[in-house]
Amino acid sequence: ITAMVPPEQAWALVAFLESQGGTVDVTGAD
């Protein structure tokens, strides 16, 4: 997937998946 979307979208996807029952710790620093 990281070859198909820009890095910021990949990290946004990680944040969304973390939010599904977990704690979001992805930040703009990533």
PDB file of all heavy atoms in Angstrom:
ATOM      1  N   ILE A   1       0.813  -1.201   0.000  1.00  0.00           N
ATOM      2  CA  ILE A   1       0.000   0.000   0.000  1.00  0.00           C
ATOM      3  C   ILE A   1       0.857   1.266   0.000  1.00  0.00           C
ATOM      4  O   ILE A   1       0.477   2.291  -0.588  1.00  0.00           O
ATOM      5  CB  ILE A   1      -0.956   0.009   1.213  1.00  0.00           C
ATOM      6  CG1 ILE A   1      -1.859  -1.230   1.182  1.00  0.00           C
ATOM      7  CG2 ILE A   1      -1.798   1.279   1.228  1.00  0.00           C
ATOM      8  CD1 ILE A   1      -2.723  -1.350  -0.046  1.00  0.00           C
ATOM      9  N   THR A   2       2.014   1.225   0.650  1.00  0.00           N
ATOM     10  CA  THR A   2       2.863   2.418   0.705  1.00  0.00           C
ATOM     11  C   THR A   2       3.437   2.783  -0.655  1.00  0.00           C
ATOM     12  O   THR A   2       3.974   3.878  -0.822  1.00  0.00           O
ATOM     13  CB  THR A   2       4.015   2.229   1.705  1.00  0.00           C
ATOM     14  OG1 THR A   2       4.733   1.033   1.372  1.00  0.00           O
ATOM     15  CG2 THR A   2       3.499   2.147   3.125  1.00  0.00           C
ATOM     16  N   ALA A   3       3.336   1.873  -1.614  1.00  0.00           N
ATOM     17  CA  ALA A   3       3.757   2.191  -2.971  1.00  0.00           C
ATOM     18  C   ALA A   3       2.602   2.753  -3.788  1.00  0.00           C
ATOM     19  O   ALA A   3       2.791   3.209  -4.916  1.00  0.00           O
ATOM     20  CB  ALA A   3       4.314   0.953  -3.673  1.00  0.00           C
ATOM     21  N   MET A   4       1.396   2.747  -3.189  1.00  0.00           N
ATOM     22  CA  MET A   4       0.210   3.156  -3.913  1.00  0.00           C
ATOM     23  C   MET A   4      -0.372   4.472  -3.416  1.00  0.00           C
ATOM     24  O   MET A   4      -1.140   5.121  -4.125  1.00  0.00           O
ATOM     25  CB  MET A   4      -0.858   2.056  -3.813  1.00  0.00           C
ATOM     26  CG  MET A   4      -0.405   0.720  -4.367  1.00  0.00           C
ATOM     27  SD  MET A   4      -1.582  -0.608  -4.028  1.00  0.00           S
ATOM     28  CE  MET A   4      -3.012  -0.041  -4.937  1.00  0.00           C
ATOM     29  N   VAL A   5      -0.044   4.853  -2.185  1.00  0.00           N
ATOM     30  CA  VAL A   5      -0.545   6.110  -1.640  1.00  0.00           C
ATOM     31  C   VAL A   5       0.617   6.897  -1.053  1.00  0.00           C
ATOM     32  O   VAL A   5       1.642   6.319  -0.671  1.00  0.00           O
ATOM     33  CB  VAL A   5      -1.628   5.881  -0.555  1.00  0.00           C
ATOM     34  CG1 VAL A   5      -2.807   5.115  -1.113  1.00  0.00           C
ATOM     35  CG2 VAL A   5      -1.039   5.152   0.650  1.00  0.00           C
ATOM     36  N   PRO A   6       0.509   8.220  -0.952  1.00  0.00           N
ATOM     37  CA  PRO A   6       1.570   9.041  -0.353  1.00  0.00           C
ATOM     38  C   PRO A   6       1.758   8.690   1.118  1.00  0.00           C
ATOM     39  O   PRO A   6       0.839   8.167   1.758  1.00  0.00           O
ATOM     40  CB  PRO A   6       1.055  10.475  -0.526  1.00  0.00           C
ATOM     41  CG  PRO A   6       0.021  10.401  -1.600  1.00  0.00           C
ATOM     42  CD  PRO A   6      -0.609   9.040  -1.470  1.00  0.00           C
ATOM     43  N   PRO A   7       2.931   8.988   1.690  1.00  0.00           N
ATOM     44  CA  PRO A   7       3.204   8.651   3.092  1.00  0.00           C
ATOM     45  C   PRO A   7       2.167   9.187   4.070  1.00  0.00           C
ATOM     46  O   PRO A   7       1.784   8.489   5.013  1.00  0.00           O
ATOM     47  CB  PRO A   7       4.579   9.292   3.333  1.00  0.00           C
ATOM     48  CG  PRO A   7       5.223   9.341   1.993  1.00  0.00           C
ATOM     49  CD  PRO A   7       4.100   9.583   1.023  1.00  0.00           C
ATOM     50  N   GLU A   8       1.703  10.428   3.857  1.00  0.00           N
ATOM     51  CA  GLU A   8       0.748  10.991   4.803  1.00  0.00           C
ATOM     52  C   GLU A   8      -0.572  10.226   4.804  1.00  0.00           C
ATOM     53  O   GLU A   8      -1.240  10.106   5.828  1.00  0.00           O
ATOM     54  CB  GLU A   8       0.505  12.479   4.510  1.00  0.00           C
ATOM     55  CG  GLU A   8      -0.135  12.796   3.173  1.00  0.00           C
ATOM     56  CD  GLU A   8       0.867  12.979   2.040  1.00  0.00           C
ATOM     57  OE1 GLU A   8       2.025  12.546   2.216  1.00  0.00           O
ATOM     58  OE2 GLU A   8       0.484  13.557   1.004  1.00  0.00           O
ATOM     59  N   GLN A   9      -0.954   9.668   3.640  1.00  0.00           N
ATOM     60  CA  GLN A   9      -2.183   8.889   3.589  1.00  0.00           C
ATOM     61  C   GLN A   9      -1.989   7.523   4.244  1.00  0.00           C
ATOM     62  O   GLN A   9      -2.917   6.982   4.861  1.00  0.00           O
ATOM     63  CB  GLN A   9      -2.644   8.738   2.141  1.00  0.00           C
ATOM     64  CG  GLN A   9      -3.118  10.035   1.524  1.00  0.00           C
ATOM     65  CD  GLN A   9      -3.706   9.860   0.143  1.00  0.00           C
ATOM     66  OE1 GLN A   9      -3.973   8.739  -0.298  1.00  0.00           O
ATOM     67  NE2 GLN A   9      -3.919  10.962  -0.562  1.00  0.00           N
ATOM     68  N   ALA A  10      -0.795   6.966   4.111  1.00  0.00           N
ATOM     69  CA  ALA A  10      -0.505   5.692   4.780  1.00  0.00           C
ATOM     70  C   ALA A  10      -0.591   5.857   6.294  1.00  0.00           C
ATOM     71  O   ALA A  10      -1.186   5.032   6.998  1.00  0.00           O
ATOM     72  CB  ALA A  10       0.876   5.189   4.368  1.00  0.00           C
ATOM     73  N   TRP A  11      -0.012   6.952   6.811  1.00  0.00           N
ATOM     74  CA  TRP A  11      -0.061   7.186   8.250  1.00  0.00           C
ATOM     75  C   TRP A  11      -1.487   7.502   8.706  1.00  0.00           C
ATOM     76  O   TRP A  11      -1.904   7.119   9.806  1.00  0.00           O
ATOM     77  CB  TRP A  11       0.888   8.316   8.645  1.00  0.00           C
ATOM     78  CG  TRP A  11       2.303   7.840   8.751  1.00  0.00           C
ATOM     79  CD1 TRP A  11       3.363   8.220   7.982  1.00  0.00           C
ATOM     80  CD2 TRP A  11       2.812   6.879   9.679  1.00  0.00           C
ATOM     81  NE1 TRP A  11       4.506   7.553   8.376  1.00  0.00           N
ATOM     82  CE2 TRP A  11       4.187   6.723   9.413  1.00  0.00           C
ATOM     83  CE3 TRP A  11       2.249   6.136  10.710  1.00  0.00           C
ATOM     84  CZ2 TRP A  11       5.006   5.854  10.148  1.00  0.00           C
ATOM     85  CZ3 TRP A  11       3.043   5.259  11.435  1.00  0.00           C
ATOM     86  CH2 TRP A  11       4.413   5.137  11.143  1.00  0.00           C
ATOM     87  N   ALA A  12      -2.257   8.188   7.881  1.00  0.00           N
ATOM     88  CA  ALA A  12      -3.656   8.447   8.215  1.00  0.00           C
ATOM     89  C   ALA A  12      -4.429   7.138   8.297  1.00  0.00           C
ATOM     90  O   ALA A  12      -5.289   6.951   9.176  1.00  0.00           O
ATOM     91  CB  ALA A  12      -4.285   9.370   7.169  1.00  0.00           C
ATOM     92  N   LEU A  13      -4.117   6.217   7.403  1.00  0.00           N
ATOM     93  CA  LEU A  13      -4.766   4.908   7.422  1.00  0.00           C
ATOM     94  C   LEU A  13      -4.421   4.157   8.714  1.00  0.00           C
ATOM     95  O   LEU A  13      -5.286   3.530   9.324  1.00  0.00           O
ATOM     96  CB  LEU A  13      -4.333   4.102   6.199  1.00  0.00           C
ATOM     97  CG  LEU A  13      -4.968   2.720   6.001  1.00  0.00           C
ATOM     98  CD1 LEU A  13      -6.479   2.806   6.027  1.00  0.00           C
ATOM     99  CD2 LEU A  13      -4.484   2.114   4.686  1.00  0.00           C
ATOM    100  N   VAL A  14      -3.157   4.237   9.128  1.00  0.00           N
ATOM    101  CA  VAL A  14      -2.759   3.613  10.397  1.00  0.00           C
ATOM    102  C   VAL A  14      -3.556   4.211  11.551  1.00  0.00           C
ATOM    103  O   VAL A  14      -4.052   3.499  12.429  1.00  0.00           O
ATOM    104  CB  VAL A  14      -1.246   3.787  10.642  1.00  0.00           C
ATOM    105  CG1 VAL A  14      -0.871   3.330  12.057  1.00  0.00           C
ATOM    106  CG2 VAL A  14      -0.442   2.992   9.610  1.00  0.00           C
ATOM    107  N   ALA A  15      -3.688   5.539  11.562  1.00  0.00           N
ATOM    108  CA  ALA A  15      -4.442   6.213  12.628  1.00  0.00           C
ATOM    109  C   ALA A  15      -5.898   5.746  12.657  1.00  0.00           C
ATOM    110  O   ALA A  15      -6.465   5.480  13.724  1.00  0.00           O
ATOM    111  CB  ALA A  15      -4.376   7.728  12.438  1.00  0.00           C
ATOM    112  N   PHE A  16      -6.516   5.637  11.491  1.00  0.00           N
ATOM    113  CA  PHE A  16      -7.909   5.188  11.417  1.00  0.00           C
ATOM    114  C   PHE A  16      -8.047   3.766  11.958  1.00  0.00           C
ATOM    115  O   PHE A  16      -8.977   3.467  12.717  1.00  0.00           O
ATOM    116  CB  PHE A  16      -8.416   5.249   9.979  1.00  0.00           C
ATOM    117  CG  PHE A  16      -9.759   4.605   9.779  1.00  0.00           C
ATOM    118  CD1 PHE A  16     -10.904   5.162  10.331  1.00  0.00           C
ATOM    119  CD2 PHE A  16      -9.873   3.430   9.046  1.00  0.00           C
ATOM    120  CE1 PHE A  16     -12.154   4.552  10.164  1.00  0.00           C
ATOM    121  CE2 PHE A  16     -11.105   2.820   8.879  1.00  0.00           C
ATOM    122  CZ  PHE A  16     -12.249   3.377   9.440  1.00  0.00           C
ATOM    123  N   LEU A  17      -7.128   2.886  11.580  1.00  0.00           N
ATOM    124  CA  LEU A  17      -7.199   1.503  12.044  1.00  0.00           C
ATOM    125  C   LEU A  17      -6.956   1.419  13.554  1.00  0.00           C
ATOM    126  O   LEU A  17      -7.601   0.625  14.243  1.00  0.00           O
ATOM    127  CB  LEU A  17      -6.187   0.643  11.279  1.00  0.00           C
ATOM    128  CG  LEU A  17      -6.478   0.501   9.780  1.00  0.00           C
ATOM    129  CD1 LEU A  17      -5.358  -0.275   9.084  1.00  0.00           C
ATOM    130  CD2 LEU A  17      -7.820  -0.185   9.538  1.00  0.00           C
ATOM    131  N   GLU A  18      -6.058   2.228  14.065  1.00  0.00           N
ATOM    132  CA  GLU A  18      -5.836   2.259  15.513  1.00  0.00           C
ATOM    133  C   GLU A  18      -7.111   2.688  16.240  1.00  0.00           C
ATOM    134  O   GLU A  18      -7.400   2.211  17.344  1.00  0.00           O
ATOM    135  CB  GLU A  18      -4.716   3.237  15.871  1.00  0.00           C
ATOM    136  CG  GLU A  18      -3.314   2.710  15.627  1.00  0.00           C
ATOM    137  CD  GLU A  18      -2.258   3.646  16.180  1.00  0.00           C
ATOM    138  OE1 GLU A  18      -2.436   4.880  16.102  1.00  0.00           O
ATOM    139  OE2 GLU A  18      -1.246   3.144  16.699  1.00  0.00           O
ATOM    140  N   SER A  19      -7.860   3.587  15.648  1.00  0.00           N
ATOM    141  CA  SER A  19      -9.071   4.110  16.294  1.00  0.00           C
ATOM    142  C   SER A  19     -10.176   3.070  16.404  1.00  0.00           C
ATOM    143  O   SER A  19     -11.154   3.275  17.125  1.00  0.00           O
ATOM    144  CB  SER A  19      -9.597   5.329  15.511  1.00  0.00           C
ATOM    145  OG  SER A  19     -10.217   4.940  14.294  1.00  0.00           O
ATOM    146  N   GLN A  20     -10.037   1.966  15.701  1.00  0.00           N
ATOM    147  CA  GLN A  20     -11.043   0.908  15.756  1.00  0.00           C
ATOM    148  C   GLN A  20     -10.798   0.021  16.982  1.00  0.00           C
ATOM    149  O   GLN A  20     -10.256  -1.067  16.910  1.00  0.00           O
ATOM    150  CB  GLN A  20     -11.016   0.076  14.467  1.00  0.00           C
ATOM    151  CG  GLN A  20     -11.148   0.875  13.190  1.00  0.00           C
ATOM    152  CD  GLN A  20     -12.396   1.730  13.178  1.00  0.00           C
ATOM    153  OE1 GLN A  20     -13.521   1.216  13.285  1.00  0.00           O
ATOM    154  NE2 GLN A  20     -12.224   3.033  13.017  1.00  0.00           N
ATOM    155  N   GLY A  21     -11.167   0.554  18.137  1.00  0.00           N
ATOM    156  CA  GLY A  21     -11.041  -0.213  19.370  1.00  0.00           C
ATOM    157  C   GLY A  21      -9.749  -0.004  20.122  1.00  0.00           C
ATOM    158  O   GLY A  21      -9.508  -0.651  21.140  1.00  0.00           O
ATOM    159  N   GLY A  22      -8.892   0.901  19.647  1.00  0.00           N
ATOM    160  CA  GLY A  22      -7.613   1.121  20.299  1.00  0.00           C
ATOM    161  C   GLY A  22      -7.321   2.594  20.524  1.00  0.00           C
ATOM    162  O   GLY A  22      -8.204   3.437  20.408  1.00  0.00           O
ATOM    163  N   THR A  23      -6.072   2.886  20.835  1.00  0.00           N
ATOM    164  CA  THR A  23      -5.639   4.254  21.098  1.00  0.00           C
ATOM    165  C   THR A  23      -4.822   4.778  19.938  1.00  0.00           C
ATOM    166  O   THR A  23      -3.882   4.115  19.471  1.00  0.00           O
ATOM    167  CB  THR A  23      -4.778   4.313  22.383  1.00  0.00           C
ATOM    168  OG1 THR A  23      -5.550   3.819  23.478  1.00  0.00           O
ATOM    169  CG2 THR A  23      -4.335   5.743  22.664  1.00  0.00           C
ATOM    170  N   VAL A  24      -5.166   5.935  19.439  1.00  0.00           N
ATOM    171  CA  VAL A  24      -4.451   6.534  18.301  1.00  0.00           C
ATOM    172  C   VAL A  24      -3.200   7.249  18.807  1.00  0.00           C
ATOM    173  O   VAL A  24      -3.301   8.184  19.610  1.00  0.00           O
ATOM    174  CB  VAL A  24      -5.357   7.531  17.549  1.00  0.00           C
ATOM    175  CG1 VAL A  24      -4.589   8.176  16.404  1.00  0.00           C
ATOM    176  CG2 VAL A  24      -6.606   6.824  17.040  1.00  0.00           C
ATOM    177  N   ASP A  25      -2.032   6.788  18.364  1.00  0.00           N
ATOM    178  CA  ASP A  25      -0.803   7.473  18.747  1.00  0.00           C
ATOM    179  C   ASP A  25      -0.014   7.950  17.530  1.00  0.00           C
ATOM    180  O   ASP A  25       1.131   8.375  17.643  1.00  0.00           O
ATOM    181  CB  ASP A  25       0.086   6.592  19.635  1.00  0.00           C
ATOM    182  CG  ASP A  25       0.489   5.283  18.963  1.00  0.00           C
ATOM    183  OD1 ASP A  25      -0.006   4.997  17.856  1.00  0.00           O
ATOM    184  OD2 ASP A  25       1.303   4.539  19.549  1.00  0.00           O
ATOM    185  N   VAL A  26      -0.644   7.898  16.347  1.00  0.00           N
ATOM    186  CA  VAL A  26      -0.042   8.498  15.152  1.00  0.00           C
ATOM    187  C   VAL A  26      -0.198  10.008  15.267  1.00  0.00           C
ATOM    188  O   VAL A  26      -1.261  10.504  15.648  1.00  0.00           O
ATOM    189  CB  VAL A  26      -0.735   7.999  13.868  1.00  0.00           C
ATOM    190  CG1 VAL A  26      -0.145   8.698  12.645  1.00  0.00           C
ATOM    191  CG2 VAL A  26      -0.599   6.498  13.734  1.00  0.00           C
ATOM    192  N   THR A  27       0.845  10.744  14.962  1.00  0.00           N
ATOM    193  CA  THR A  27       0.801  12.205  15.019  1.00  0.00           C
ATOM    194  C   THR A  27       1.376  12.797  13.742  1.00  0.00           C
ATOM    195  O   THR A  27       1.909  12.077  12.890  1.00  0.00           O
ATOM    196  CB  THR A  27       1.618  12.722  16.218  1.00  0.00           C
ATOM    197  OG1 THR A  27       3.020  12.451  15.977  1.00  0.00           O
ATOM    198  CG2 THR A  27       1.183  12.062  17.514  1.00  0.00           C
ATOM    199  N   GLY A  28       1.292  14.103  13.654  1.00  0.00           N
ATOM    200  CA  GLY A  28       1.884  14.788  12.513  1.00  0.00           C
ATOM    201  C   GLY A  28       3.380  14.566  12.427  1.00  0.00           C
ATOM    202  O   GLY A  28       3.979  14.675  11.338  1.00  0.00           O
ATOM    203  N   ALA A  29       4.012  14.223  13.560  1.00  0.00           N
ATOM    204  CA  ALA A  29       5.453  13.971  13.567  1.00  0.00           C
ATOM    205  C   ALA A  29       5.799  12.766  12.702  1.00  0.00           C
ATOM    206  O   ALA A  29       6.874  12.716  12.079  1.00  0.00           O
ATOM    207  CB  ALA A  29       5.945  13.751  14.994  1.00  0.00           C
ATOM    208  N   ASP A  30       4.911  11.778  12.643  1.00  0.00           N
ATOM    209  CA  ASP A  30       5.160  10.609  11.788  1.00  0.00           C
ATOM    210  C   ASP A  30       5.176  11.012  10.324  1.00  0.00           C
ATOM    211  O   ASP A  30       5.973  10.492   9.536  1.00  0.00           O
ATOM    212  CB  ASP A  30       4.086   9.548  12.032  1.00  0.00           C
ATOM    213  CG  ASP A  30       4.183   8.935  13.416  1.00  0.00           C
ATOM    214  OD1 ASP A  30       5.244   8.373  13.747  1.00  0.00           O
ATOM    215  OD2 ASP A  30       3.196   9.018  14.168  1.00  0.00           O
TER     216      ASP A  30
END
